[in-house]
Amino acid sequence: VQLQASGGVLVQAGGSLRLSCAASGGTFRTYNAGWFRQSPGKEREFVAAVRWSGSSAYAGSVKGRFTLFRDNAKITVYLQMDSLKSEDTAVYYCAAGKGVNIAEPTGYYYWGQGTQVTVSS
């Protein structure tokens, strides 16, 4: 599976942004799909994920502001980000895997290249 993340730009605090992760080369619909982010000097952290069965999970810091949804017909996963804050600034990575704990990066086998999101205050 190859993943291509896109949509990261500079946006003002309080604004919205939608990231996309397009998959190719495999049966993407049978994989869990997740978004992680990494800021300079910090470890990669979980943002949101959806299981192949449809159930989803969110990090506490983004719950209520971010929404993840997948379109299996288009083999794309989207991350809708609303009410953005400066602390959301990071490189965002999408990933696909079959790990039991969808919040753990070790459960993902395939990673996109990352897309930069910058939120100005």
PDB file of N, CA and C in Angstrom:
ATOM      1  N   VAL A   1       0.850  -1.192   0.000  1.00  0.00           N
ATOM      2  CA  VAL A   1       0.000   0.000   0.000  1.00  0.00           C
ATOM      3  C   VAL A   1       0.883   1.239   0.000  1.00  0.00           C
ATOM      4  N   GLN A   2       0.588   2.151  -0.914  1.00  0.00           N
ATOM      5  CA  GLN A   2       1.288   3.439  -0.935  1.00  0.00           C
ATOM      6  C   GLN A   2       0.302   4.511  -0.510  1.00  0.00           C
ATOM      7  N   LEU A   3       0.787   5.454   0.308  1.00  0.00           N
ATOM      8  CA  LEU A   3      -0.068   6.506   0.845  1.00  0.00           C
ATOM      9  C   LEU A   3       0.495   7.870   0.443  1.00  0.00           C
ATOM     10  N   GLN A   4      -0.405   8.760   0.062  1.00  0.00           N
ATOM     11  CA  GLN A   4      -0.020  10.108  -0.330  1.00  0.00           C
ATOM     12  C   GLN A   4      -0.863  11.101   0.477  1.00  0.00           C
ATOM     13  N   ALA A   5      -0.217  11.799   1.397  1.00  0.00           N
ATOM     14  CA  ALA A   5      -0.911  12.796   2.215  1.00  0.00           C
ATOM     15  C   ALA A   5      -0.808  14.160   1.558  1.00  0.00           C
ATOM     16  N   SER A   6      -1.864  14.943   1.705  1.00  0.00           N
ATOM     17  CA  SER A   6      -1.867  16.291   1.135  1.00  0.00           C
ATOM     18  C   SER A   6      -2.833  17.171   1.906  1.00  0.00           C
ATOM     19  N   GLY A   7      -2.752  18.485   1.636  1.00  0.00           N
ATOM     20  CA  GLY A   7      -3.703  19.423   2.211  1.00  0.00           C
ATOM     21  C   GLY A   7      -3.125  20.342   3.270  1.00  0.00           C
ATOM     22  N   GLY A   8      -1.922  20.110   3.699  1.00  0.00           N
ATOM     23  CA  GLY A   8      -1.332  20.950   4.726  1.00  0.00           C
ATOM     24  C   GLY A   8      -0.954  22.323   4.190  1.00  0.00           C
ATOM     25  N   VAL A   9      -1.329  23.355   4.926  1.00  0.00           N
ATOM     26  CA  VAL A   9      -1.030  24.736   4.551  1.00  0.00           C
ATOM     27  C   VAL A   9      -0.883  25.570   5.810  1.00  0.00           C
ATOM     28  N   LEU A  10      -0.647  26.849   5.618  1.00  0.00           N
ATOM     29  CA  LEU A  10      -0.642  27.826   6.703  1.00  0.00           C
ATOM     30  C   LEU A  10      -2.068  28.331   6.888  1.00  0.00           C
ATOM     31  N   VAL A  11      -2.553  28.280   8.127  1.00  0.00           N
ATOM     32  CA  VAL A  11      -3.914  28.713   8.414  1.00  0.00           C
ATOM     33  C   VAL A  11      -3.924  29.476   9.738  1.00  0.00           C
ATOM     34  N   GLN A  12      -4.872  30.387   9.879  1.00  0.00           N
ATOM     35  CA  GLN A  12      -4.974  31.154  11.112  1.00  0.00           C
ATOM     36  C   GLN A  12      -5.661  30.350  12.204  1.00  0.00           C
ATOM     37  N   ALA A  13      -5.330  30.657  13.432  1.00  0.00           N
ATOM     38  CA  ALA A  13      -5.988  30.011  14.564  1.00  0.00           C
ATOM     39  C   ALA A  13      -7.493  30.230  14.481  1.00  0.00           C
ATOM     40  N   GLY A  14      -8.224  29.179  14.784  1.00  0.00           N
ATOM     41  CA  GLY A  14      -9.675  29.227  14.686  1.00  0.00           C
ATOM     42  C   GLY A  14     -10.209  28.782  13.345  1.00  0.00           C
ATOM     43  N   GLY A  15      -9.320  28.622  12.394  1.00  0.00           N
ATOM     44  CA  GLY A  15      -9.724  28.221  11.054  1.00  0.00           C
ATOM     45  C   GLY A  15      -9.869  26.727  10.906  1.00  0.00           C
ATOM     46  N   SER A  16     -10.166  26.310   9.675  1.00  0.00           N
ATOM     47  CA  SER A  16     -10.385  24.893   9.367  1.00  0.00           C
ATOM     48  C   SER A  16      -9.498  24.455   8.220  1.00  0.00           C
ATOM     49  N   LEU A  17      -9.301  23.147   8.173  1.00  0.00           N
ATOM     50  CA  LEU A  17      -8.451  22.568   7.153  1.00  0.00           C
ATOM     51  C   LEU A  17      -8.833  21.113   6.991  1.00  0.00           C
ATOM     52  N   ARG A  18      -8.715  20.605   5.778  1.00  0.00           N
ATOM     53  CA  ARG A  18      -8.985  19.184   5.550  1.00  0.00           C
ATOM     54  C   ARG A  18      -7.756  18.547   4.920  1.00  0.00           C
ATOM     55  N   LEU A  19      -7.260  17.530   5.568  1.00  0.00           N
ATOM     56  CA  LEU A  19      -6.158  16.752   5.023  1.00  0.00           C
ATOM     57  C   LEU A  19      -6.713  15.518   4.315  1.00  0.00           C
ATOM     58  N   SER A  20      -6.010  15.098   3.290  1.00  0.00           N
ATOM     59  CA  SER A  20      -6.394  13.900   2.546  1.00  0.00           C
ATOM     60  C   SER A  20      -5.246  12.920   2.528  1.00  0.00           C
ATOM     61  N   CYS A  21      -5.603  11.660   2.501  1.00  0.00           N
ATOM     62  CA  CYS A  21      -4.610  10.601   2.392  1.00  0.00           C
ATOM     63  C   CYS A  21      -5.127   9.613   1.359  1.00  0.00           C
ATOM     64  N   ALA A  22      -4.506   9.622   0.193  1.00  0.00           N
ATOM     65  CA  ALA A  22      -4.927   8.753  -0.892  1.00  0.00           C
ATOM     66  C   ALA A  22      -4.077   7.489  -0.905  1.00  0.00           C
ATOM     67  N   ALA A  23      -4.742   6.344  -0.991  1.00  0.00           N
ATOM     68  CA  ALA A  23      -4.043   5.063  -0.972  1.00  0.00           C
ATOM     69  C   ALA A  23      -4.056   4.415  -2.348  1.00  0.00           C
ATOM     70  N   SER A  24      -3.040   3.633  -2.604  1.00  0.00           N
ATOM     71  CA  SER A  24      -2.979   2.879  -3.850  1.00  0.00           C
ATOM     72  C   SER A  24      -2.164   1.611  -3.626  1.00  0.00           C
ATOM     73  N   GLY A  25      -2.358   0.634  -4.480  1.00  0.00           N
ATOM     74  CA  GLY A  25      -1.500  -0.541  -4.474  1.00  0.00           C
ATOM     75  C   GLY A  25      -1.885  -1.651  -3.536  1.00  0.00           C
ATOM     76  N   GLY A  26      -3.042  -1.638  -2.946  1.00  0.00           N
ATOM     77  CA  GLY A  26      -3.419  -2.712  -2.038  1.00  0.00           C
ATOM     78  C   GLY A  26      -4.873  -2.630  -1.662  1.00  0.00           C
ATOM     79  N   THR A  27      -5.306  -3.566  -0.828  1.00  0.00           N
ATOM     80  CA  THR A  27      -6.696  -3.589  -0.381  1.00  0.00           C
ATOM     81  C   THR A  27      -6.845  -2.689   0.835  1.00  0.00           C
ATOM     82  N   PHE A  28      -6.838  -1.403   0.575  1.00  0.00           N
ATOM     83  CA  PHE A  28      -6.826  -0.399   1.645  1.00  0.00           C
ATOM     84  C   PHE A  28      -8.018  -0.535   2.564  1.00  0.00           C
ATOM     85  N   ARG A  29      -9.139  -0.959   1.996  1.00  0.00           N
ATOM     86  CA  ARG A  29     -10.346  -1.007   2.808  1.00  0.00           C
ATOM     87  C   ARG A  29     -10.256  -2.054   3.916  1.00  0.00           C
ATOM     88  N   THR A  30      -9.295  -2.944   3.860  1.00  0.00           N
ATOM     89  CA  THR A  30      -9.138  -3.968   4.894  1.00  0.00           C
ATOM     90  C   THR A  30      -8.159  -3.547   5.989  1.00  0.00           C
ATOM     91  N   TYR A  31      -7.632  -2.329   5.874  1.00  0.00           N
ATOM     92  CA  TYR A  31      -6.675  -1.821   6.846  1.00  0.00           C
ATOM     93  C   TYR A  31      -7.302  -0.768   7.758  1.00  0.00           C
ATOM     94  N   ASN A  32      -6.778  -0.682   8.956  1.00  0.00           N
ATOM     95  CA  ASN A  32      -7.048   0.475   9.789  1.00  0.00           C
ATOM     96  C   ASN A  32      -6.290   1.665   9.192  1.00  0.00           C
ATOM     97  N   ALA A  33      -6.818   2.855   9.383  1.00  0.00           N
ATOM     98  CA  ALA A  33      -6.158   4.059   8.862  1.00  0.00           C
ATOM     99  C   ALA A  33      -6.048   5.080   9.977  1.00  0.00           C
ATOM    100  N   GLY A  34      -4.870   5.683  10.092  1.00  0.00           N
ATOM    101  CA  GLY A  34      -4.664   6.623  11.177  1.00  0.00           C
ATOM    102  C   GLY A  34      -3.914   7.863  10.744  1.00  0.00           C
ATOM    103  N   TRP A  35      -4.042   8.885  11.570  1.00  0.00           N
ATOM    104  CA  TRP A  35      -3.279  10.116  11.403  1.00  0.00           C
ATOM    105  C   TRP A  35      -2.444  10.335  12.661  1.00  0.00           C
ATOM    106  N   PHE A  36      -1.195  10.667  12.456  1.00  0.00           N
ATOM    107  CA  PHE A  36      -0.271  11.009  13.531  1.00  0.00           C
ATOM    108  C   PHE A  36       0.357  12.351  13.183  1.00  0.00           C
ATOM    109  N   ARG A  37       0.946  12.995  14.169  1.00  0.00           N
ATOM    110  CA  ARG A  37       1.616  14.257  13.899  1.00  0.00           C
ATOM    111  C   ARG A  37       2.897  14.354  14.722  1.00  0.00           C
ATOM    112  N   GLN A  38       3.792  15.169  14.221  1.00  0.00           N
ATOM    113  CA  GLN A  38       5.069  15.349  14.914  1.00  0.00           C
ATOM    114  C   GLN A  38       5.522  16.790  14.788  1.00  0.00           C
ATOM    115  N   SER A  39       5.821  17.383  15.944  1.00  0.00           N
ATOM    116  CA  SER A  39       6.347  18.744  15.997  1.00  0.00           C
ATOM    117  C   SER A  39       7.839  18.667  16.268  1.00  0.00           C
ATOM    118  N   PRO A  40       8.593  19.718  15.927  1.00  0.00           N
ATOM    119  CA  PRO A  40      10.038  19.714  16.175  1.00  0.00           C
ATOM    120  C   PRO A  40      10.350  19.460  17.647  1.00  0.00           C
ATOM    121  N   GLY A  41      11.236  18.521  17.891  1.00  0.00           N
ATOM    122  CA  GLY A  41      11.647  18.220  19.251  1.00  0.00           C
ATOM    123  C   GLY A  41      10.702  17.333  20.022  1.00  0.00           C
ATOM    124  N   LYS A  42       9.621  16.895  19.376  1.00  0.00           N
ATOM    125  CA  LYS A  42       8.639  16.045  20.052  1.00  0.00           C
ATOM    126  C   LYS A  42       8.521  14.707  19.337  1.00  0.00           C
ATOM    127  N   GLU A  43       8.018  13.740  20.064  1.00  0.00           N
ATOM    128  CA  GLU A  43       7.785  12.434  19.460  1.00  0.00           C
ATOM    129  C   GLU A  43       6.500  12.470  18.623  1.00  0.00           C
ATOM    130  N   ARG A  44       6.437  11.521  17.718  1.00  0.00           N
ATOM    131  CA  ARG A  44       5.233  11.407  16.918  1.00  0.00           C
ATOM    132  C   ARG A  44       4.071  11.014  17.822  1.00  0.00           C
ATOM    133  N   GLU A  45       2.936  11.698  17.671  1.00  0.00           N
ATOM    134  CA  GLU A  45       1.803  11.432  18.539  1.00  0.00           C
ATOM    135  C   GLU A  45       0.554  11.085  17.723  1.00  0.00           C
ATOM    136  N   PHE A  46      -0.285  10.309  18.350  1.00  0.00           N
ATOM    137  CA  PHE A  46      -1.532   9.883  17.746  1.00  0.00           C
ATOM    138  C   PHE A  46      -2.506  11.054  17.651  1.00  0.00           C
ATOM    139  N   VAL A  47      -3.229  11.123  16.546  1.00  0.00           N
ATOM    140  CA  VAL A  47      -4.259  12.150  16.352  1.00  0.00           C
ATOM    141  C   VAL A  47      -5.641  11.494  16.260  1.00  0.00           C
ATOM    142  N   ALA A  48      -5.806  10.626  15.294  1.00  0.00           N
ATOM    143  CA  ALA A  48      -7.101   9.980  15.083  1.00  0.00           C
ATOM    144  C   ALA A  48      -6.908   8.749  14.216  1.00  0.00           C
ATOM    145  N   ALA A  49      -7.838   7.799  14.337  1.00  0.00           N
ATOM    146  CA  ALA A  49      -7.756   6.596  13.518  1.00  0.00           C
ATOM    147  C   ALA A  49      -9.125   5.977  13.367  1.00  0.00           C
ATOM    148  N   VAL A  50      -9.274   5.232  12.306  1.00  0.00           N
ATOM    149  CA  VAL A  50     -10.521   4.503  12.057  1.00  0.00           C
ATOM    150  C   VAL A  50     -10.174   3.075  11.684  1.00  0.00           C
ATOM    151  N   ARG A  51     -10.864   2.136  12.292  1.00  0.00           N
ATOM    152  CA  ARG A  51     -10.642   0.728  11.981  1.00  0.00           C
ATOM    153  C   ARG A  51     -11.277   0.371  10.643  1.00  0.00           C
ATOM    154  N   TRP A  52     -10.850  -0.741  10.090  1.00  0.00           N
ATOM    155  CA  TRP A  52     -11.427  -1.176   8.820  1.00  0.00           C
ATOM    156  C   TRP A  52     -12.929  -1.402   8.981  1.00  0.00           C
ATOM    157  N   SER A  53     -13.350  -1.728  10.226  1.00  0.00           N
ATOM    158  CA  SER A  53     -14.766  -1.995  10.496  1.00  0.00           C
ATOM    159  C   SER A  53     -15.584  -0.717  10.630  1.00  0.00           C
ATOM    160  N   GLY A  54     -14.900   0.436  10.794  1.00  0.00           N
ATOM    161  CA  GLY A  54     -15.616   1.697  10.846  1.00  0.00           C
ATOM    162  C   GLY A  54     -15.540   2.439  12.163  1.00  0.00           C
ATOM    163  N   SER A  55     -15.193   1.771  13.252  1.00  0.00           N
ATOM    164  CA  SER A  55     -15.108   2.472  14.533  1.00  0.00           C
ATOM    165  C   SER A  55     -13.862   3.343  14.557  1.00  0.00           C
ATOM    166  N   SER A  56     -13.948   4.447  15.293  1.00  0.00           N
ATOM    167  CA  SER A  56     -12.869   5.420  15.279  1.00  0.00           C
ATOM    168  C   SER A  56     -12.444   5.799  16.693  1.00  0.00           C
ATOM    169  N   ALA A  57     -11.303   6.454  16.781  1.00  0.00           N
ATOM    170  CA  ALA A  57     -10.773   6.933  18.052  1.00  0.00           C
ATOM    171  C   ALA A  57     -10.028   8.231  17.812  1.00  0.00           C
ATOM    172  N   TYR A  58     -10.025   9.092  18.822  1.00  0.00           N
ATOM    173  CA  TYR A  58      -9.380  10.397  18.718  1.00  0.00           C
ATOM    174  C   TYR A  58      -8.534  10.661  19.953  1.00  0.00           C
ATOM    175  N   ALA A  59      -7.467  11.407  19.764  1.00  0.00           N
ATOM    176  CA  ALA A  59      -6.704  11.896  20.898  1.00  0.00           C
ATOM    177  C   ALA A  59      -7.541  12.925  21.648  1.00  0.00           C
ATOM    178  N   GLY A  60      -7.342  12.989  22.958  1.00  0.00           N
ATOM    179  CA  GLY A  60      -8.123  13.916  23.753  1.00  0.00           C
ATOM    180  C   GLY A  60      -7.951  15.363  23.325  1.00  0.00           C
ATOM    181  N   SER A  61      -6.758  15.687  22.840  1.00  0.00           N
ATOM    182  CA  SER A  61      -6.461  17.078  22.468  1.00  0.00           C
ATOM    183  C   SER A  61      -7.202  17.534  21.221  1.00  0.00           C
ATOM    184  N   VAL A  62      -7.723  16.588  20.451  1.00  0.00           N
ATOM    185  CA  VAL A  62      -8.401  16.975  19.202  1.00  0.00           C
ATOM    186  C   VAL A  62      -9.875  16.562  19.192  1.00  0.00           C
ATOM    187  N   LYS A  63     -10.294  15.804  20.166  1.00  0.00           N
ATOM    188  CA  LYS A  63     -11.678  15.322  20.191  1.00  0.00           C
ATOM    189  C   LYS A  63     -12.637  16.493  20.215  1.00  0.00           C
ATOM    190  N   GLY A  64     -13.626  16.435  19.359  1.00  0.00           N
ATOM    191  CA  GLY A  64     -14.586  17.517  19.254  1.00  0.00           C
ATOM    192  C   GLY A  64     -14.188  18.583  18.247  1.00  0.00           C
ATOM    193  N   ARG A  65     -12.941  18.571  17.821  1.00  0.00           N
ATOM    194  CA  ARG A  65     -12.477  19.552  16.824  1.00  0.00           C
ATOM    195  C   ARG A  65     -12.114  18.890  15.501  1.00  0.00           C
ATOM    196  N   PHE A  66     -11.613  17.679  15.576  1.00  0.00           N
ATOM    197  CA  PHE A  66     -11.188  16.951  14.380  1.00  0.00           C
ATOM    198  C   PHE A  66     -12.154  15.809  14.109  1.00  0.00           C
ATOM    199  N   THR A  67     -12.357  15.541  12.831  1.00  0.00           N
ATOM    200  CA  THR A  67     -13.195  14.419  12.421  1.00  0.00           C
ATOM    201  C   THR A  67     -12.482  13.643  11.320  1.00  0.00           C
ATOM    202  N   LEU A  68     -12.411  12.344  11.509  1.00  0.00           N
ATOM    203  CA  LEU A  68     -11.775  11.493  10.511  1.00  0.00           C
ATOM    204  C   LEU A  68     -12.852  10.671   9.822  1.00  0.00           C
ATOM    205  N   PHE A  69     -12.779  10.599   8.521  1.00  0.00           N
ATOM    206  CA  PHE A  69     -13.693   9.728   7.806  1.00  0.00           C
ATOM    207  C   PHE A  69     -12.998   9.174   6.569  1.00  0.00           C
ATOM    208  N   ARG A  70     -13.444   8.022   6.154  1.00  0.00           N
ATOM    209  CA  ARG A  70     -12.804   7.357   5.031  1.00  0.00           C
ATOM    210  C   ARG A  70     -13.819   7.072   3.945  1.00  0.00           C
ATOM    211  N   ASP A  71     -13.341   7.118   2.738  1.00  0.00           N
ATOM    212  CA  ASP A  71     -14.150   6.816   1.576  1.00  0.00           C
ATOM    213  C   ASP A  71     -13.512   5.609   0.911  1.00  0.00           C
ATOM    214  N   ASN A  72     -14.005   4.439   1.209  1.00  0.00           N
ATOM    215  CA  ASN A  72     -13.386   3.227   0.679  1.00  0.00           C
ATOM    216  C   ASN A  72     -13.531   3.115  -0.829  1.00  0.00           C
ATOM    217  N   ALA A  73     -14.569   3.727  -1.343  1.00  0.00           N
ATOM    218  CA  ALA A  73     -14.733   3.688  -2.800  1.00  0.00           C
ATOM    219  C   ALA A  73     -13.597   4.433  -3.478  1.00  0.00           C
ATOM    220  N   LYS A  74     -13.165   5.521  -2.838  1.00  0.00           N
ATOM    221  CA  LYS A  74     -12.081   6.315  -3.408  1.00  0.00           C
ATOM    222  C   LYS A  74     -10.748   6.004  -2.742  1.00  0.00           C
ATOM    223  N   ILE A  75     -10.774   5.027  -1.838  1.00  0.00           N
ATOM    224  CA  ILE A  75      -9.596   4.648  -1.061  1.00  0.00           C
ATOM    225  C   ILE A  75      -8.854   5.877  -0.566  1.00  0.00           C
ATOM    226  N   THR A  76      -9.600   6.740   0.093  1.00  0.00           N
ATOM    227  CA  THR A  76      -9.040   7.961   0.655  1.00  0.00           C
ATOM    228  C   THR A  76      -9.534   8.136   2.079  1.00  0.00           C
ATOM    229  N   VAL A  77      -8.651   8.638   2.927  1.00  0.00           N
ATOM    230  CA  VAL A  77      -9.015   8.974   4.294  1.00  0.00           C
ATOM    231  C   VAL A  77      -8.837  10.474   4.472  1.00  0.00           C
ATOM    232  N   TYR A  78      -9.792  11.101   5.113  1.00  0.00           N
ATOM    233  CA  TYR A  78      -9.761  12.534   5.311  1.00  0.00           C
ATOM    234  C   TYR A  78      -9.692  12.862   6.806  1.00  0.00           C
ATOM    235  N   LEU A  79      -9.020  13.955   7.106  1.00  0.00           N
ATOM    236  CA  LEU A  79      -9.013  14.479   8.465  1.00  0.00           C
ATOM    237  C   LEU A  79      -9.497  15.915   8.402  1.00  0.00           C
ATOM    238  N   GLN A  80     -10.720  16.130   8.858  1.00  0.00           N
ATOM    239  CA  GLN A  80     -11.295  17.467   8.919  1.00  0.00           C
ATOM    240  C   GLN A  80     -10.882  18.096  10.238  1.00  0.00           C
ATOM    241  N   MET A  81     -10.214  19.224  10.159  1.00  0.00           N
ATOM    242  CA  MET A  81      -9.699  19.875  11.359  1.00  0.00           C
ATOM    243  C   MET A  81     -10.364  21.245  11.495  1.00  0.00           C
ATOM    244  N   ASP A  82     -11.083  21.434  12.564  1.00  0.00           N
ATOM    245  CA  ASP A  82     -11.778  22.695  12.836  1.00  0.00           C
ATOM    246  C   ASP A  82     -11.248  23.313  14.127  1.00  0.00           C
ATOM    247  N   SER A  83     -11.525  24.585  14.299  1.00  0.00           N
ATOM    248  CA  SER A  83     -11.092  25.310  15.507  1.00  0.00           C
ATOM    249  C   SER A  83      -9.612  25.076  15.778  1.00  0.00           C
ATOM    250  N   LEU A  84      -8.824  25.266  14.767  1.00  0.00           N
ATOM    251  CA  LEU A  84      -7.402  24.985  14.882  1.00  0.00           C
ATOM    252  C   LEU A  84      -6.719  25.907  15.880  1.00  0.00           C
ATOM    253  N   LYS A  85      -5.729  25.336  16.551  1.00  0.00           N
ATOM    254  CA  LYS A  85      -4.952  26.064  17.543  1.00  0.00           C
ATOM    255  C   LYS A  85      -3.480  26.042  17.141  1.00  0.00           C
ATOM    256  N   SER A  86      -2.713  26.945  17.693  1.00  0.00           N
ATOM    257  CA  SER A  86      -1.296  26.996  17.355  1.00  0.00           C
ATOM    258  C   SER A  86      -0.590  25.683  17.717  1.00  0.00           C
ATOM    259  N   GLU A  87      -1.066  25.035  18.761  1.00  0.00           N
ATOM    260  CA  GLU A  87      -0.436  23.765  19.166  1.00  0.00           C
ATOM    261  C   GLU A  87      -0.742  22.609  18.226  1.00  0.00           C
ATOM    262  N   ASP A  88      -1.593  22.839  17.245  1.00  0.00           N
ATOM    263  CA  ASP A  88      -1.842  21.827  16.219  1.00  0.00           C
ATOM    264  C   ASP A  88      -0.779  21.866  15.120  1.00  0.00           C
ATOM    265  N   THR A  89       0.080  22.858  15.179  1.00  0.00           N
ATOM    266  CA  THR A  89       1.147  22.961  14.187  1.00  0.00           C
ATOM    267  C   THR A  89       2.054  21.745  14.259  1.00  0.00           C
ATOM    268  N   ALA A  90       2.221  21.069  13.126  1.00  0.00           N
ATOM    269  CA  ALA A  90       3.025  19.838  13.084  1.00  0.00           C
ATOM    270  C   ALA A  90       3.052  19.319  11.648  1.00  0.00           C
ATOM    271  N   VAL A  91       3.894  18.324  11.443  1.00  0.00           N
ATOM    272  CA  VAL A  91       3.817  17.543  10.216  1.00  0.00           C
ATOM    273  C   VAL A  91       2.848  16.391  10.493  1.00  0.00           C
ATOM    274  N   TYR A  92       1.868  16.251   9.635  1.00  0.00           N
ATOM    275  CA  TYR A  92       0.840  15.224   9.811  1.00  0.00           C
ATOM    276  C   TYR A  92       1.117  14.069   8.853  1.00  0.00           C
ATOM    277  N   TYR A  93       1.062  12.862   9.414  1.00  0.00           N
ATOM    278  CA  TYR A  93       1.325  11.648   8.651  1.00  0.00           C
ATOM    279  C   TYR A  93       0.089  10.760   8.664  1.00  0.00           C
ATOM    280  N   CYS A  94      -0.221  10.187   7.539  1.00  0.00           N
ATOM    281  CA  CYS A  94      -1.252   9.159   7.519  1.00  0.00           C
ATOM    282  C   CYS A  94      -0.576   7.797   7.448  1.00  0.00           C
ATOM    283  N   ALA A  95      -1.294   6.792   7.933  1.00  0.00           N
ATOM    284  CA  ALA A  95      -0.714   5.461   8.023  1.00  0.00           C
ATOM    285  C   ALA A  95      -1.799   4.409   7.860  1.00  0.00           C
ATOM    286  N   ALA A  96      -1.386   3.212   7.464  1.00  0.00           N
ATOM    287  CA  ALA A  96      -2.310   2.083   7.317  1.00  0.00           C
ATOM    288  C   ALA A  96      -1.690   0.848   7.959  1.00  0.00           C
ATOM    289  N   GLY A  97      -2.512   0.084   8.657  1.00  0.00           N
ATOM    290  CA  GLY A  97      -2.009  -1.110   9.308  1.00  0.00           C
ATOM    291  C   GLY A  97      -3.118  -1.966   9.850  1.00  0.00           C
ATOM    292  N   LYS A  98      -2.730  -3.002  10.589  1.00  0.00           N
ATOM    293  CA  LYS A  98      -3.717  -3.916  11.148  1.00  0.00           C
ATOM    294  C   LYS A  98      -3.478  -4.188  12.629  1.00  0.00           C
ATOM    295  N   GLY A  99      -2.819  -3.265  13.314  1.00  0.00           N
ATOM    296  CA  GLY A  99      -2.588  -3.423  14.730  1.00  0.00           C
ATOM    297  C   GLY A  99      -3.873  -3.398  15.541  1.00  0.00           C
ATOM    298  N   VAL A 100      -3.832  -4.045  16.688  1.00  0.00           N
ATOM    299  CA  VAL A 100      -5.015  -4.099  17.553  1.00  0.00           C
ATOM    300  C   VAL A 100      -5.309  -2.723  18.156  1.00  0.00           C
ATOM    301  N   ASN A 101      -4.263  -2.056  18.633  1.00  0.00           N
ATOM    302  CA  ASN A 101      -4.418  -0.725  19.220  1.00  0.00           C
ATOM    303  C   ASN A 101      -4.171   0.324  18.138  1.00  0.00           C
ATOM    304  N   ILE A 102      -5.230   0.937  17.679  1.00  0.00           N
ATOM    305  CA  ILE A 102      -5.096   1.855  16.543  1.00  0.00           C
ATOM    306  C   ILE A 102      -4.445   3.170  16.918  1.00  0.00           C
ATOM    307  N   ALA A 103      -4.199   3.395  18.198  1.00  0.00           N
ATOM    308  CA  ALA A 103      -3.537   4.617  18.633  1.00  0.00           C
ATOM    309  C   ALA A 103      -2.023   4.458  18.710  1.00  0.00           C
ATOM    310  N   GLU A 104      -1.541   3.267  18.492  1.00  0.00           N
ATOM    311  CA  GLU A 104      -0.110   3.006  18.585  1.00  0.00           C
ATOM    312  C   GLU A 104       0.519   2.994  17.187  1.00  0.00           C
ATOM    313  N   PRO A 105       1.555   3.778  16.969  1.00  0.00           N
ATOM    314  CA  PRO A 105       2.185   3.811  15.651  1.00  0.00           C
ATOM    315  C   PRO A 105       2.802   2.478  15.249  1.00  0.00           C
ATOM    316  N   THR A 106       3.135   1.641  16.226  1.00  0.00           N
ATOM    317  CA  THR A 106       3.750   0.354  15.907  1.00  0.00           C
ATOM    318  C   THR A 106       2.785  -0.585  15.188  1.00  0.00           C
ATOM    319  N   GLY A 107       1.506  -0.270  15.225  1.00  0.00           N
ATOM    320  CA  GLY A 107       0.513  -1.108  14.565  1.00  0.00           C
ATOM    321  C   GLY A 107       0.293  -0.775  13.105  1.00  0.00           C
ATOM    322  N   TYR A 108       1.085   0.162  12.587  1.00  0.00           N
ATOM    323  CA  TYR A 108       0.919   0.599  11.202  1.00  0.00           C
ATOM    324  C   TYR A 108       2.132   0.168  10.384  1.00  0.00           C
ATOM    325  N   TYR A 109       1.842  -0.353   9.204  1.00  0.00           N
ATOM    326  CA  TYR A 109       2.895  -0.880   8.350  1.00  0.00           C
ATOM    327  C   TYR A 109       3.316   0.112   7.264  1.00  0.00           C
ATOM    328  N   TYR A 110       2.372   0.939   6.862  1.00  0.00           N
ATOM    329  CA  TYR A 110       2.613   1.828   5.733  1.00  0.00           C
ATOM    330  C   TYR A 110       2.386   3.272   6.173  1.00  0.00           C
ATOM    331  N   TRP A 111       3.278   4.148   5.700  1.00  0.00           N
ATOM    332  CA  TRP A 111       3.221   5.551   6.100  1.00  0.00           C
ATOM    333  C   TRP A 111       3.318   6.455   4.870  1.00  0.00           C
ATOM    334  N   GLY A 112       2.547   7.539   4.910  1.00  0.00           N
ATOM    335  CA  GLY A 112       2.681   8.561   3.891  1.00  0.00           C
ATOM    336  C   GLY A 112       3.873   9.456   4.200  1.00  0.00           C
ATOM    337  N   GLN A 113       4.144  10.406   3.338  1.00  0.00           N
ATOM    338  CA  GLN A 113       5.340  11.225   3.455  1.00  0.00           C
ATOM    339  C   GLN A 113       5.185  12.400   4.405  1.00  0.00           C
ATOM    340  N   GLY A 114       3.979  12.703   4.842  1.00  0.00           N
ATOM    341  CA  GLY A 114       3.778  13.821   5.741  1.00  0.00           C
ATOM    342  C   GLY A 114       3.400  15.091   5.012  1.00  0.00           C
ATOM    343  N   THR A 115       2.566  15.885   5.671  1.00  0.00           N
ATOM    344  CA  THR A 115       2.169  17.180   5.125  1.00  0.00           C
ATOM    345  C   THR A 115       2.192  18.194   6.261  1.00  0.00           C
ATOM    346  N   GLN A 116       2.753  19.362   5.992  1.00  0.00           N
ATOM    347  CA  GLN A 116       2.970  20.366   7.038  1.00  0.00           C
ATOM    348  C   GLN A 116       1.713  21.205   7.266  1.00  0.00           C
ATOM    349  N   VAL A 117       1.303  21.263   8.522  1.00  0.00           N
ATOM    350  CA  VAL A 117       0.214  22.149   8.929  1.00  0.00           C
ATOM    351  C   VAL A 117       0.795  23.186   9.883  1.00  0.00           C
ATOM    352  N   THR A 118       0.586  24.455   9.552  1.00  0.00           N
ATOM    353  CA  THR A 118       1.065  25.540  10.394  1.00  0.00           C
ATOM    354  C   THR A 118      -0.110  26.423  10.763  1.00  0.00           C
ATOM    355  N   VAL A 119      -0.316  26.593  12.058  1.00  0.00           N
ATOM    356  CA  VAL A 119      -1.420  27.410  12.547  1.00  0.00           C
ATOM    357  C   VAL A 119      -0.831  28.653  13.185  1.00  0.00           C
ATOM    358  N   SER A 120      -1.154  29.803  12.638  1.00  0.00           N
ATOM    359  CA  SER A 120      -0.629  31.055  13.162  1.00  0.00           C
ATOM    360  C   SER A 120      -1.603  31.638  14.174  1.00  0.00           C
ATOM    361  N   SER A 121      -1.061  32.158  15.248  1.00  0.00           N
ATOM    362  CA  SER A 121      -1.914  32.718  16.309  1.00  0.00           C
ATOM    363  C   SER A 121      -2.082  34.211  16.146  1.00  0.00           C
TER     364      SER A 121
END
